[in-house]
Amino acid sequence: MGAHEMQPDPEWENTANSAAPRGIVVGVDGSDHGQCALVWAAREAERRRRPLHIVTAYSVPIFAASGLDGGYATVDDSVIREGAEAIIQQAMEKVSSYSIDVDASVENGDASGVLLEMSETAELLVFGTRGRGGFVGRLLGSVSSALPAHAKCPTVTVPLVCSDRLGETTEDKRIRAEQAKEGHKQVDNVVVVGVDGSEQARVAVLEAADQAERLGATLRVICAVPQFSGSLAWVPAPMDRKALFEDIENQLEAGKAWLRSHYPNLRVESEVKDGSAVDVLVDASRHAELVVVGTRGRGGFTGMLLGSTSGGVLHHTKGPVLVVPDRDDPRLADRAKFGPILGAA
């Protein structure tokens, strides 16, 4: 490892014959958000011993002509491309000290579409919570909302507020004020995963276990149980929350036994938390290395932990969030052998 490869084309242009990127793909746009994502992605590529592909995307603006001839006009994209190439060059230099294989590309097109296409072959997509406007088409803005729900591979969103834990700085006044208010936060060697009894949640647990093993971290499985409110006024009888918690804890214990059968050396903890899933997982993100959720989950007593909750966690998280798409995993087949399944009827 340690080789740093450039695209053969001096203008970083991908051609029809270019191999689709594999390994870790990170989107950059020159913003502080993109820099945080880049550092996290480089560290992850080093942990996994996988190649890193750095990409930026831009669109050429079209203007309505105001002259008598009417119609539309496009601008020369040479200056725009030069700026995008400079961003890529800076990113390559930033990760030059990591023991990883690196290549990069500048893509002409919508950033969401570019990264979504790359998710077909990538092992992991990484990006910031938002980016700058201008010539790179806000690569990390709408992208961070669109990609987790539609990407074919897992995605990691890295918020700017955790720049200090990555050794990065920012001039964003709002972020600096928040960091100053909270002070130095200890990051525990823990990977947190939210569960709600759905098959998607169990897929997320397996991905979280893989990540915890790579980090030599503890895996903490959390199930959040919100208070019932007016929206659940139709519930026919008062629910014994103490009994409910005990039932969930028993099912989580069965889940832990299943995990240990596949990860015998992994330390696994579980918690049932009283509160909304978003609040519980956002709070956990302050001190965890990583929070893991699925793209969606079931409804029911845990309140759709991985559906609308995944979006809420992404918008408010204080640390990196890994979103795992639905997929088949043969290890799911033997879960029932270890006891009751969380949320099953």
Protein backbone atom coordinates (compact mmCIF):
# COMPACT_ATOMS: atom_id res chain seq x y z
CA MET A 1 0.00 0.00 0.00
CA GLY A 2 1.01 3.61 -0.03
CA ALA A 3 0.99 4.19 -3.78
CA HIS A 4 -0.80 7.32 -4.92
CA GLU A 5 -2.13 7.01 -8.44
CA MET A 6 -3.45 9.84 -10.60
CA GLN A 7 -5.90 9.52 -13.46
CA PRO A 8 -3.87 9.22 -16.70
CA ASP A 9 -5.78 12.05 -18.33
CA PRO A 10 -4.21 15.38 -17.26
CA GLU A 11 -7.70 16.91 -17.06
CA TRP A 12 -8.92 14.14 -14.71
CA GLU A 13 -11.57 13.20 -17.28
CA ASN A 14 -13.17 9.77 -16.83
CA THR A 15 -13.61 7.99 -20.14
CA ALA A 16 -15.90 5.18 -21.15
CA ASN A 17 -12.99 2.78 -20.66
CA SER A 18 -12.22 3.93 -17.12
CA ALA A 19 -12.80 1.32 -14.44
CA ALA A 20 -15.64 2.09 -12.06
CA PRO A 21 -14.28 3.14 -8.66
CA ARG A 22 -14.16 0.52 -5.92
CA GLY A 23 -13.19 0.67 -2.28
CA ILE A 24 -13.95 3.95 -0.49
CA VAL A 25 -15.36 6.86 -2.52
CA VAL A 26 -15.37 10.36 -0.97
CA GLY A 27 -17.00 13.49 -2.38
CA VAL A 28 -15.11 16.77 -1.93
CA ASP A 29 -15.86 20.36 -2.91
CA GLY A 30 -13.19 22.44 -1.19
CA SER A 31 -15.38 23.23 1.83
CA ASP A 32 -14.55 22.47 5.46
CA HIS A 33 -17.34 19.88 5.35
CA GLY A 34 -15.61 18.13 2.48
CA GLN A 35 -12.25 18.23 4.26
CA CYS A 36 -13.71 16.44 7.29
CA ALA A 37 -15.24 13.80 5.06
CA LEU A 38 -11.92 13.37 3.25
CA VAL A 39 -9.95 12.81 6.47
CA TRP A 40 -12.50 10.31 7.78
CA ALA A 41 -12.52 8.46 4.45
CA ALA A 42 -8.72 8.29 4.30
CA ARG A 43 -8.59 6.83 7.82
CA GLU A 44 -11.27 4.31 6.92
CA ALA A 45 -9.47 3.30 3.72
CA GLU A 46 -6.34 2.73 5.80
CA ARG A 47 -8.28 0.64 8.34
CA ARG A 48 -9.87 -1.50 5.66
CA ARG A 49 -6.77 -1.59 3.47
CA ARG A 50 -8.91 -0.51 0.56
CA PRO A 51 -8.25 2.08 -2.19
CA LEU A 52 -9.61 5.62 -1.87
CA HIS A 53 -11.24 7.39 -4.79
CA ILE A 54 -11.69 11.16 -4.46
CA VAL A 55 -14.33 12.79 -6.65
CA THR A 56 -15.71 16.25 -7.24
CA ALA A 57 -18.55 17.12 -9.59
CA TYR A 58 -19.67 20.32 -11.28
CA SER A 59 -22.36 21.48 -13.65
CA VAL A 60 -21.97 24.20 -16.27
CA PRO A 61 -24.62 26.88 -15.69
CA ILE A 62 -26.99 27.87 -18.50
CA PHE A 63 -28.14 31.51 -18.81
CA ALA A 64 -31.13 32.91 -20.66
CA ALA A 65 -29.94 35.33 -23.33
CA SER A 66 -31.21 38.88 -23.01
CA GLY A 67 -30.40 40.06 -26.52
CA LEU A 68 -32.67 40.26 -29.55
CA ASP A 69 -31.59 36.80 -30.67
CA GLY A 70 -33.08 35.21 -27.54
CA GLY A 71 -32.49 31.61 -26.58
CA TYR A 72 -29.99 30.20 -24.09
CA ALA A 73 -26.24 30.43 -23.70
CA THR A 74 -23.73 28.37 -21.78
CA VAL A 75 -20.47 29.56 -20.30
CA ASP A 76 -17.05 28.20 -21.14
CA ASP A 77 -16.41 25.48 -18.61
CA SER A 78 -12.58 25.71 -18.72
CA VAL A 79 -12.33 28.03 -15.70
CA ILE A 80 -14.84 25.93 -13.76
CA ARG A 81 -12.93 22.75 -14.54
CA GLU A 82 -9.62 24.32 -13.52
CA GLY A 83 -11.12 25.18 -10.14
CA ALA A 84 -12.44 21.64 -9.72
CA GLU A 85 -9.05 20.19 -10.66
CA ALA A 86 -7.40 22.42 -8.06
CA ILE A 87 -9.76 21.04 -5.39
CA ILE A 88 -8.85 17.50 -6.38
CA GLN A 89 -5.12 18.30 -6.32
CA GLN A 90 -5.42 19.79 -2.83
CA ALA A 91 -7.32 16.74 -1.65
CA MET A 92 -4.68 14.40 -3.05
CA GLU A 93 -1.98 16.33 -1.22
CA LYS A 94 -3.96 16.25 2.02
CA VAL A 95 -4.08 12.45 2.10
CA SER A 96 -0.57 11.88 0.78
CA SER A 97 0.72 10.75 4.18
CA TYR A 98 -1.77 7.87 4.48
CA SER A 99 -0.70 4.34 3.56
CA ILE A 100 -3.40 3.89 0.95
CA ASP A 101 -3.83 3.72 -2.80
CA VAL A 102 -5.50 6.91 -4.02
CA ASP A 103 -6.91 8.07 -7.33
CA ALA A 104 -9.31 10.87 -8.23
CA SER A 105 -11.65 12.23 -10.87
CA VAL A 106 -13.53 15.38 -11.83
CA GLU A 107 -17.03 14.62 -13.09
CA ASN A 108 -19.29 16.86 -15.15
CA GLY A 109 -22.84 16.44 -13.93
CA ASP A 110 -25.15 16.44 -10.95
CA ALA A 111 -23.24 15.43 -7.83
CA SER A 112 -26.03 13.23 -6.48
CA GLY A 113 -26.27 11.39 -9.78
CA VAL A 114 -22.50 10.98 -10.03
CA LEU A 115 -22.13 9.53 -6.54
CA LEU A 116 -25.23 7.40 -6.86
CA GLU A 117 -23.78 5.81 -9.99
CA MET A 118 -20.49 5.20 -8.20
CA SER A 119 -22.35 3.49 -5.36
CA GLU A 120 -23.03 0.61 -7.76
CA THR A 121 -19.42 -0.52 -7.42
CA ALA A 122 -18.10 1.28 -4.32
CA GLU A 123 -17.73 -0.41 -0.96
CA LEU A 124 -18.55 2.80 0.90
CA LEU A 125 -19.53 6.40 0.03
CA VAL A 126 -18.40 9.23 2.34
CA PHE A 127 -19.47 12.89 2.28
CA GLY A 128 -20.05 15.89 4.52
CA THR A 129 -23.36 17.23 5.76
CA ARG A 130 -23.33 20.17 3.35
CA GLY A 131 -20.95 22.05 1.10
CA ARG A 132 -20.37 25.41 -0.46
CA GLY A 133 -22.29 26.84 -3.34
CA GLY A 134 -20.69 27.92 -6.55
CA PHE A 135 -18.86 26.01 -9.21
CA VAL A 136 -19.02 22.57 -7.63
CA GLY A 137 -22.80 22.60 -7.51
CA ARG A 138 -23.13 22.22 -3.72
CA LEU A 139 -21.73 18.72 -3.88
CA LEU A 140 -22.30 18.01 -0.21
CA GLY A 141 -25.58 19.84 0.34
CA SER A 142 -28.59 18.10 -1.13
CA VAL A 143 -26.37 15.07 -1.66
CA SER A 144 -26.15 14.25 2.04
CA SER A 145 -29.95 14.06 2.16
CA ALA A 146 -30.48 12.18 -1.10
CA LEU A 147 -27.74 9.57 -1.12
CA PRO A 148 -28.30 7.54 2.07
CA ALA A 149 -31.82 6.62 0.96
CA HIS A 150 -30.87 5.64 -2.60
CA ALA A 151 -27.22 4.51 -2.61
CA LYS A 152 -26.50 0.88 -3.43
CA CYS A 153 -23.72 0.68 -0.85
CA PRO A 154 -23.43 1.92 2.75
CA THR A 155 -22.86 5.66 3.18
CA VAL A 156 -21.13 7.69 5.90
CA THR A 157 -22.10 11.29 6.60
CA VAL A 158 -19.45 13.28 8.50
CA PRO A 159 -20.74 16.47 10.18
CA LEU A 160 -18.53 19.54 10.47
CA VAL A 161 -19.19 19.73 14.22
CA CYS A 162 -16.88 16.74 14.73
CA SER A 163 -13.97 18.47 12.93
CA ASP A 164 -12.08 18.75 16.21
CA ARG A 165 -12.05 14.98 16.73
CA LEU A 166 -10.55 14.64 13.23
CA GLY A 167 -7.85 17.22 13.88
CA GLU A 168 -9.48 19.70 11.50
CA THR A 169 -10.38 23.36 12.00
CA THR A 170 -13.21 25.46 10.63
CA GLU A 171 -14.06 29.14 10.28
CA ASP A 172 -17.77 28.43 10.54
CA LYS A 173 -18.86 30.67 13.43
CA ARG A 174 -21.89 28.58 14.32
CA ILE A 175 -19.85 25.39 14.51
CA ARG A 176 -17.05 27.04 16.47
CA ALA A 177 -19.56 28.43 18.96
CA GLU A 178 -21.12 24.99 19.39
CA GLN A 179 -17.73 23.37 19.88
CA ALA A 180 -16.75 26.02 22.44
CA LYS A 181 -20.02 25.55 24.31
CA GLU A 182 -19.69 21.79 24.54
CA GLY A 183 -15.96 21.84 25.20
CA HIS A 184 -13.68 18.88 24.60
CA LYS A 185 -15.70 15.70 24.15
CA GLN A 186 -14.09 12.36 24.85
CA VAL A 187 -14.74 9.91 22.03
CA ASP A 188 -15.20 6.40 23.35
CA ASN A 189 -14.10 3.39 21.32
CA VAL A 190 -17.70 2.35 20.76
CA VAL A 191 -19.84 1.76 17.68
CA VAL A 192 -23.55 2.39 18.37
CA VAL A 193 -26.29 0.78 16.29
CA GLY A 194 -30.02 1.50 16.54
CA VAL A 195 -32.46 -1.42 16.31
CA ASP A 196 -36.23 -1.69 16.10
CA GLY A 197 -36.96 -5.33 15.37
CA SER A 198 -36.95 -5.00 11.59
CA GLU A 199 -34.93 -7.10 9.18
CA GLN A 200 -33.25 -3.88 8.01
CA ALA A 201 -32.10 -3.24 11.57
CA ARG A 202 -30.48 -6.67 11.78
CA VAL A 203 -28.63 -5.98 8.53
CA ALA A 204 -27.41 -2.70 10.09
CA VAL A 205 -26.29 -4.60 13.21
CA LEU A 206 -24.10 -6.90 11.11
CA GLU A 207 -22.50 -3.93 9.34
CA ALA A 208 -21.95 -2.24 12.71
CA ALA A 209 -20.33 -5.40 14.05
CA ASP A 210 -17.95 -5.47 11.06
CA GLN A 211 -17.02 -1.86 11.75
CA ALA A 212 -16.55 -2.46 15.48
CA GLU A 213 -14.18 -5.33 14.72
CA ARG A 214 -12.11 -3.11 12.42
CA LEU A 215 -11.87 -0.46 15.12
CA GLY A 216 -11.27 -2.94 17.94
CA ALA A 217 -14.32 -1.27 19.50
CA THR A 218 -17.28 -2.31 21.62
CA LEU A 219 -20.58 -2.70 19.79
CA ARG A 220 -23.49 -1.08 21.64
CA VAL A 221 -26.95 -2.11 20.43
CA ILE A 222 -29.65 0.41 21.41
CA CYS A 223 -33.41 0.15 21.21
CA ALA A 224 -35.29 3.39 21.93
CA VAL A 225 -38.84 3.26 23.27
CA PRO A 226 -40.66 6.61 23.01
CA GLN A 227 -43.43 7.69 25.35
CA PHE A 228 -46.87 7.04 23.95
CA SER A 229 -48.65 10.26 23.08
CA GLY A 230 -51.94 11.47 21.68
CA SER A 231 -51.15 9.86 18.34
CA LEU A 232 -51.43 6.49 20.07
CA ALA A 233 -54.56 7.29 22.06
CA TRP A 234 -56.30 4.35 20.37
CA VAL A 235 -54.18 1.85 22.32
CA PRO A 236 -56.91 -0.19 24.08
CA ALA A 237 -55.25 -0.61 27.48
CA PRO A 238 -52.45 1.01 29.44
CA MET A 239 -49.14 -0.55 28.55
CA ASP A 240 -46.89 -1.74 31.34
CA ARG A 241 -43.62 -0.07 30.35
CA LYS A 242 -41.63 -2.02 32.91
CA ALA A 243 -42.83 -5.29 31.41
CA LEU A 244 -42.24 -3.94 27.92
CA PHE A 245 -38.66 -3.02 28.74
CA GLU A 246 -38.02 -6.44 30.27
CA ASP A 247 -39.40 -8.13 27.17
CA ILE A 248 -37.19 -6.03 24.88
CA GLU A 249 -34.14 -6.70 27.05
CA ASN A 250 -34.74 -10.46 26.80
CA GLN A 251 -34.96 -10.21 23.03
CA LEU A 252 -31.80 -8.10 22.88
CA GLU A 253 -29.99 -10.76 24.90
CA ALA A 254 -31.02 -13.32 22.29
CA GLY A 255 -29.72 -10.99 19.60
CA LYS A 256 -26.39 -10.66 21.41
CA ALA A 257 -26.06 -14.46 21.54
CA TRP A 258 -26.66 -14.56 17.78
CA LEU A 259 -24.02 -11.88 17.18
CA ARG A 260 -21.45 -13.70 19.31
CA SER A 261 -21.94 -16.81 17.18
CA HIS A 262 -20.70 -14.81 14.18
CA TYR A 263 -18.28 -12.51 16.04
CA PRO A 264 -16.86 -14.56 18.93
CA ASN A 265 -14.21 -11.99 19.82
CA LEU A 266 -16.46 -8.92 19.67
CA ARG A 267 -17.57 -7.21 22.86
CA VAL A 268 -21.32 -6.55 22.60
CA GLU A 269 -23.49 -4.44 24.90
CA SER A 270 -27.20 -3.65 24.66
CA GLU A 271 -29.44 -0.95 26.09
CA VAL A 272 -33.13 -0.15 26.12
CA LYS A 273 -33.49 3.63 26.30
CA ASP A 274 -36.55 5.62 27.28
CA GLY A 275 -37.08 8.38 24.71
CA SER A 276 -37.32 9.19 21.03
CA ALA A 277 -34.95 7.35 18.73
CA VAL A 278 -33.59 10.58 17.23
CA ASP A 279 -32.75 12.07 20.62
CA VAL A 280 -31.21 8.83 21.89
CA LEU A 281 -28.99 8.28 18.86
CA VAL A 282 -27.97 11.92 18.49
CA ASP A 283 -26.95 11.95 22.14
CA ALA A 284 -24.95 8.74 21.60
CA SER A 285 -23.21 10.31 18.58
CA ARG A 286 -21.49 12.85 20.83
CA HIS A 287 -19.14 10.26 22.27
CA ALA A 288 -19.28 7.26 19.89
CA GLU A 289 -16.83 6.62 17.09
CA LEU A 290 -19.75 5.88 14.79
CA VAL A 291 -23.54 5.59 14.85
CA VAL A 292 -25.11 3.03 12.51
CA VAL A 293 -28.71 2.93 11.27
CA GLY A 294 -30.63 1.25 8.45
CA THR A 295 -32.33 3.16 5.68
CA ARG A 296 -35.76 2.34 7.09
CA GLY A 297 -37.45 0.16 9.68
CA ARG A 298 -40.81 -1.07 10.88
CA GLY A 299 -43.44 0.90 12.67
CA GLY A 300 -44.81 -0.43 15.91
CA PHE A 301 -43.79 0.04 19.49
CA THR A 302 -40.39 1.48 18.78
CA GLY A 303 -41.70 4.22 16.54
CA MET A 304 -40.05 3.59 13.17
CA LEU A 305 -36.53 3.90 14.51
CA LEU A 306 -34.82 3.47 11.17
CA GLY A 307 -37.28 5.20 8.88
CA SER A 308 -37.87 8.89 9.51
CA THR A 309 -35.41 8.58 12.38
CA SER A 310 -32.43 8.00 10.11
CA GLY A 311 -33.10 11.39 8.50
CA GLY A 312 -33.44 13.07 11.89
CA VAL A 313 -30.17 11.57 13.11
CA LEU A 314 -28.37 12.69 9.94
CA HIS A 315 -29.59 16.27 10.38
CA HIS A 316 -28.61 16.58 14.05
CA THR A 317 -25.76 14.13 14.61
CA LYS A 318 -22.60 15.18 16.45
CA GLY A 319 -20.47 12.44 14.90
CA PRO A 320 -20.19 10.25 11.79
CA VAL A 321 -23.29 8.25 10.83
CA LEU A 322 -23.22 5.07 8.75
CA VAL A 323 -26.47 4.30 6.89
CA VAL A 324 -26.85 0.72 5.68
CA PRO A 325 -29.14 -0.05 2.72
CA ASP A 326 -31.44 -3.06 2.59
CA ARG A 327 -29.71 -6.21 1.38
CA ASP A 328 -29.70 -9.97 1.81
CA ASP A 329 -27.26 -11.52 4.27
CA PRO A 330 -27.06 -15.29 4.82
CA ARG A 331 -26.23 -14.73 8.50
CA LEU A 332 -29.81 -13.58 9.09
CA ALA A 333 -31.11 -17.11 8.51
CA ASP A 334 -30.04 -18.50 11.89
CA ARG A 335 -31.18 -15.59 14.08
CA ALA A 336 -34.35 -17.38 15.26
CA LYS A 337 -32.27 -20.24 16.73
CA PHE A 338 -31.07 -17.97 19.53
CA GLY A 339 -34.40 -16.91 20.98
CA PRO A 340 -37.23 -14.41 20.48
CA ILE A 341 -36.75 -11.74 17.84
CA LEU A 342 -37.24 -8.11 18.79
CA GLY A 343 -40.53 -6.78 17.50
CA ALA A 344 -41.78 -10.13 16.19
CA ALA A 345 -45.43 -10.89 16.65
